[in-house]
Amino acid sequence: MAETKVIWVHLIWEKKDYFFGSISAIYDVLTEEQVGITKSSLLHAGMRNGSSHLTKRALIKQSRLIRSKRGV
């Protein structure tokens, strides 16, 4: 099985979900105000597989997307 990092961002008040491949990609789409944490702070928060970070505006979780090796 092939695994790819995925970061799920749930905006609490807007009730919207976004999925990203990196922390930097989050800030290409959303602002620091929307997420409730600066990019620098989130990069230094120690996110790893299975971890989550809660702000007043968003729930951010990092996990792994499991894919088939066959590409079917």
C-alpha atoms as a PDB file:
ATOM      1  CA  MET A   1       0.000   0.000   0.000  1.00  0.00           C
ATOM      2  CA  ALA A   2       1.122   3.528  -0.744  1.00  0.00           C
ATOM      3  CA  GLU A   3       0.526   6.239   1.856  1.00  0.00           C
ATOM      4  CA  THR A   4       0.348   9.989   1.401  1.00  0.00           C
ATOM      5  CA  LYS A   5       0.227  12.626   4.117  1.00  0.00           C
ATOM      6  CA  VAL A   6      -3.100  14.458   4.300  1.00  0.00           C
ATOM      7  CA  ILE A   7      -4.067  17.385   6.517  1.00  0.00           C
ATOM      8  CA  TRP A   8      -7.767  17.895   7.218  1.00  0.00           C
ATOM      9  CA  VAL A   9      -8.895  21.384   8.212  1.00  0.00           C
ATOM     10  CA  HIS A  10     -12.433  21.768   9.565  1.00  0.00           C
ATOM     11  CA  LEU A  11     -13.514  25.401   9.871  1.00  0.00           C
ATOM     12  CA  ILE A  12     -15.767  25.289  12.923  1.00  0.00           C
ATOM     13  CA  TRP A  13     -18.002  28.311  12.334  1.00  0.00           C
ATOM     14  CA  GLU A  14     -18.222  27.974   8.548  1.00  0.00           C
ATOM     15  CA  LYS A  15     -18.792  24.200   8.838  1.00  0.00           C
ATOM     16  CA  LYS A  16     -16.482  23.579   5.875  1.00  0.00           C
ATOM     17  CA  ASP A  17     -13.857  20.892   5.368  1.00  0.00           C
ATOM     18  CA  TYR A  18     -10.638  21.174   3.385  1.00  0.00           C
ATOM     19  CA  PHE A  19      -7.957  18.570   2.665  1.00  0.00           C
ATOM     20  CA  PHE A  20      -4.331  19.497   1.996  1.00  0.00           C
ATOM     21  CA  GLY A  21      -1.034  17.762   1.268  1.00  0.00           C
ATOM     22  CA  SER A  22       1.041  20.086   3.455  1.00  0.00           C
ATOM     23  CA  ILE A  23       0.768  22.802   6.085  1.00  0.00           C
ATOM     24  CA  SER A  24       2.053  25.360   3.587  1.00  0.00           C
ATOM     25  CA  ALA A  25      -0.761  24.455   1.160  1.00  0.00           C
ATOM     26  CA  ILE A  26      -3.334  25.396   3.818  1.00  0.00           C
ATOM     27  CA  TYR A  27      -2.201  29.016   3.656  1.00  0.00           C
ATOM     28  CA  ASP A  28      -2.377  29.081  -0.151  1.00  0.00           C
ATOM     29  CA  VAL A  29      -6.172  28.727   0.214  1.00  0.00           C
ATOM     30  CA  LEU A  30      -7.064  29.956   3.712  1.00  0.00           C
ATOM     31  CA  THR A  31      -5.905  32.956   5.723  1.00  0.00           C
ATOM     32  CA  GLU A  32      -4.313  32.836   9.160  1.00  0.00           C
ATOM     33  CA  GLU A  33      -7.466  34.526  10.466  1.00  0.00           C
ATOM     34  CA  GLN A  34      -9.676  31.755   9.054  1.00  0.00           C
ATOM     35  CA  VAL A  35      -7.488  29.012  10.530  1.00  0.00           C
ATOM     36  CA  GLY A  36      -6.866  30.781  13.837  1.00  0.00           C
ATOM     37  CA  ILE A  37      -3.121  30.124  13.916  1.00  0.00           C
ATOM     38  CA  THR A  38      -0.137  31.482  12.020  1.00  0.00           C
ATOM     39  CA  LYS A  39       1.652  29.310   9.495  1.00  0.00           C
ATOM     40  CA  SER A  40       4.852  29.520  11.539  1.00  0.00           C
ATOM     41  CA  SER A  41       3.108  28.411  14.739  1.00  0.00           C
ATOM     42  CA  LEU A  42       1.427  25.466  13.012  1.00  0.00           C
ATOM     43  CA  LEU A  43       4.708  24.414  11.403  1.00  0.00           C
ATOM     44  CA  HIS A  44       6.285  24.378  14.883  1.00  0.00           C
ATOM     45  CA  ALA A  45       3.306  22.643  16.557  1.00  0.00           C
ATOM     46  CA  GLY A  46       4.830  19.216  15.921  1.00  0.00           C
ATOM     47  CA  MET A  47       2.063  17.835  13.722  1.00  0.00           C
ATOM     48  CA  ARG A  48       2.582  14.161  12.912  1.00  0.00           C
ATOM     49  CA  ASN A  49       0.504  11.192  11.825  1.00  0.00           C
ATOM     50  CA  GLY A  50      -2.603  10.955  13.990  1.00  0.00           C
ATOM     51  CA  SER A  51      -2.104  14.294  15.721  1.00  0.00           C
ATOM     52  CA  SER A  52      -4.562  17.167  15.867  1.00  0.00           C
ATOM     53  CA  HIS A  53      -4.524  20.849  16.754  1.00  0.00           C
ATOM     54  CA  LEU A  54      -7.577  22.824  17.875  1.00  0.00           C
ATOM     55  CA  THR A  55      -7.877  26.593  17.539  1.00  0.00           C
ATOM     56  CA  LYS A  56     -10.858  28.832  18.245  1.00  0.00           C
ATOM     57  CA  ARG A  57     -11.678  28.722  14.525  1.00  0.00           C
ATOM     58  CA  ALA A  58     -10.535  25.321  13.214  1.00  0.00           C
ATOM     59  CA  LEU A  59      -9.751  21.695  13.946  1.00  0.00           C
ATOM     60  CA  ILE A  60      -6.619  20.575  12.107  1.00  0.00           C
ATOM     61  CA  LYS A  61      -5.709  16.880  11.864  1.00  0.00           C
ATOM     62  CA  GLN A  62      -2.851  15.148  10.127  1.00  0.00           C
ATOM     63  CA  SER A  63      -3.180  11.571   8.974  1.00  0.00           C
ATOM     64  CA  ARG A  64      -2.260   9.236   6.114  1.00  0.00           C
ATOM     65  CA  LEU A  65      -4.262   8.542   2.986  1.00  0.00           C
ATOM     66  CA  ILE A  66      -3.900   4.868   2.101  1.00  0.00           C
ATOM     67  CA  ARG A  67      -3.911   4.065  -1.602  1.00  0.00           C
ATOM     68  CA  SER A  68      -3.680   0.871  -3.593  1.00  0.00           C
ATOM     69  CA  LYS A  69      -0.354   0.244  -5.315  1.00  0.00           C
ATOM     70  CA  ARG A  70      -2.170  -0.913  -8.445  1.00  0.00           C
ATOM     71  CA  GLY A  71      -3.736   2.484  -9.245  1.00  0.00           C
ATOM     72  CA  VAL A  72      -7.159   0.961  -9.939  1.00  0.00           C
END
